[in-house]
Structures are given as C-alpha cells and as structure tokens.
Amino acid sequence: MSIVIISVAAFMGVATLVAALAMLFGDYGNSKVEERLGVLMSRKGGGTGAEEEAIKGGVMREEVFREGMDGIMGVINNFARKFGNLNQVFEQADSPIGANTFLLLSGGFAFVGVAIAAAAQAPYPLYPPVGLMTGSLPLMWLLWRRSCRLGKFGKQLPDALEMIGRALRSGNSLAQAIKVVVEEMPAPISTEFGIVYEAQNLNVPLDLALKDMFKRVPNMDLKFFVTSVAIQRQTGGDLAEILDKIGHIVRERFKILGQVQALTGEGRISGIVLMALPIALFFGVYYMNPDYMMLLFTDPLGRKMIAAAVVLQILGAIVIKKIVNIKV
C-alpha cells in the first residue's frame, strides 16, 4: 500500500509541475476574428496562385483542427482553455497531425515509457513519472516546432519590413506592399501576411488585421511594426523611413543576441549537465545496488530527501535559466 501511495504522490507531483510549466509558458492568446476570417476565406475563390496556396493551407489546417476537436477532444479543449487556445498552438506550430492523433501519440508514448520501465525492472514508484515524461514528448515536440516556426518568422521580419519600405517608396499602397511580401518571401512570413492581405480584401481594417496577426505570432518586433502602422494611419508620416529604422534595429538586436548566446553557452551547458547528472547517477547506482537505492522509497527520511531533491532541482533550473536568459 505504501508503494501505491508513493506512486500516486509522485504522479501528482510531476503532473502538477507540468501543468504549472504549461500555465507559465502557454500564453498563446485567442483570436475570434481569425476564426471568422477562416470561414469567410474558405467560401471565397479567385486570387493568384501564391495567395490561393496560403489561403488553402490556412483553411485546410483550420478544418483539420476543428474535426480534431470533436469527440474526445471536446472535453479536453475545455480544460486546455486554461492554458491557451489549443487550436492556435497547432496552427502556430504548423502541425502536420491533428488533435486526435496528438492524443493517441501521447498515450502511446506514455504506455511505451511504462513498459520500458517495467522491462528495466525500475522501482514501482518511478512508473508514473516515467510514463508522464514519455507521454509529454509529443507536447515537447509541438512546442519545439512552434518555437522554431516563430523564430524563423522573427528572422524573416527585417527583410519583410525592408521590402515593404521599398514598395512604399515606389508608389504602392501598404496593402500592395504586403502583397509583395506574400509573393516574394517564403513561409511562414508569407503565410501570415497572406492572411492579413486577404483580411483587408474582406473589408477588415488593415490595422485590425495586423493586430490579429500579432495575436497569432507573439513577436515583439512585429508589435513595433503593427504599432507604427496604427500610429501612421492616424497621424500620418513617412512609414517607409520608420520601417527601415525598425528593420535596422531588429538586425542589430539579432547581432547582440548572437553575442549573448555565445557568451552564455558555457552556463547553459553547465545547467544541462547539473540537471541531468543526479538523474543519471541515481539510475547508475540503482542498477549496481538496487537495495541501497530502494531505501529512498521505503524509508520516511529517504522520501523526504527525494522531495527535497526535486524541489532543489527545480529551483536550480529556474536560477540557471534566469542567469543565462538575458533579454536583448
């Protein structure tokens, strides 16, 4: 009975930690306007090949996500709203799989993790944490894919701003300049600006369409662009010059960020080693002398030591992250 209690307590502790991290980093925002635009765009035909591809991709993803949210995902979506719009996370990650497939993969990875732990004759209290860790691998992959896509968007943004500035100087309107970005630049920035271009074609104010794009792509540099467009449409001014300055600032910021990443590389590697070393040492000693390590689970003092070690590991990870994560 004590082993069962320990297993349930360990599972609840790890689940609470994952939920807390998801709540901390899961601010993805909601966009009701985007959903309405997706429905309207799915009923509209015409446009150039690049525009139709961008619209088609957005509509197809939207349909897949809507279908995926039916059935078993209907219950989970209500819970997921506390951590952000799950549909928007899939869209931001440009996920090739639907929500139901994602859930099946998570359950399958959790089962495989428990099976591996059983085959390795790990202690019973480790089964729930191992299953939860392996079951969260699809979520980590989804968040990693989302981070990569948003990072690529941020790197493409300076070129897009300069392209818009050149188009404005040649006499084009802002909407036509955005169309140039859609036609000339690769995804993901062409896809996002394509949604903006089609939105203003549907009589949505351009500044509102840009604000919706910022909700989909939470990028601080994009916020500068959206704010400058909103101010310029109200007060006037040379928007092309403003965009050139924003693009220059973004490029300089990337340059400084690269230097910071190089200088903090040692600290980040040290953090990874310090976080992984206790876990690797635990499993190494367990396979050499299982009875010696089982005292941590059977003795009350050992359970307290495990709880203290987990708390200290989390605190250490937070402190190291604060030290090496320098905002530019």
Foldseek 3Di string as FASTA:
>chain_A
DLLVVLLVVVLVVVVVVVVVVLQVPQALFDDPVLVVLLVVLVPDDDDDPLLCVLSVLVNVLVVLAVVLCPDPVVVVQVVCVSRPRPSLLCVLLVDPDYNNVLQVQLQVQLVVQLVVCVVVVHRSSCSSVSSNVRSCVSVVVSVVSSVVQLVVLLVCLLVLLLQLLVCVVVPDDSLVSLVCCLPPPDPDSNSLSSSLSVCVVVVDDSLVSLVSSCSSRVDPLSVQLSVLVVVCVVPNDNSSVVSNVSSVVSVVQVVVVVVLCVVCVVLVVVLVCVLVVVVVVLVVVCVVPVVVSCCLSPPPVSVVVVVVVVVVSVVSNVVSCVVSVDDD
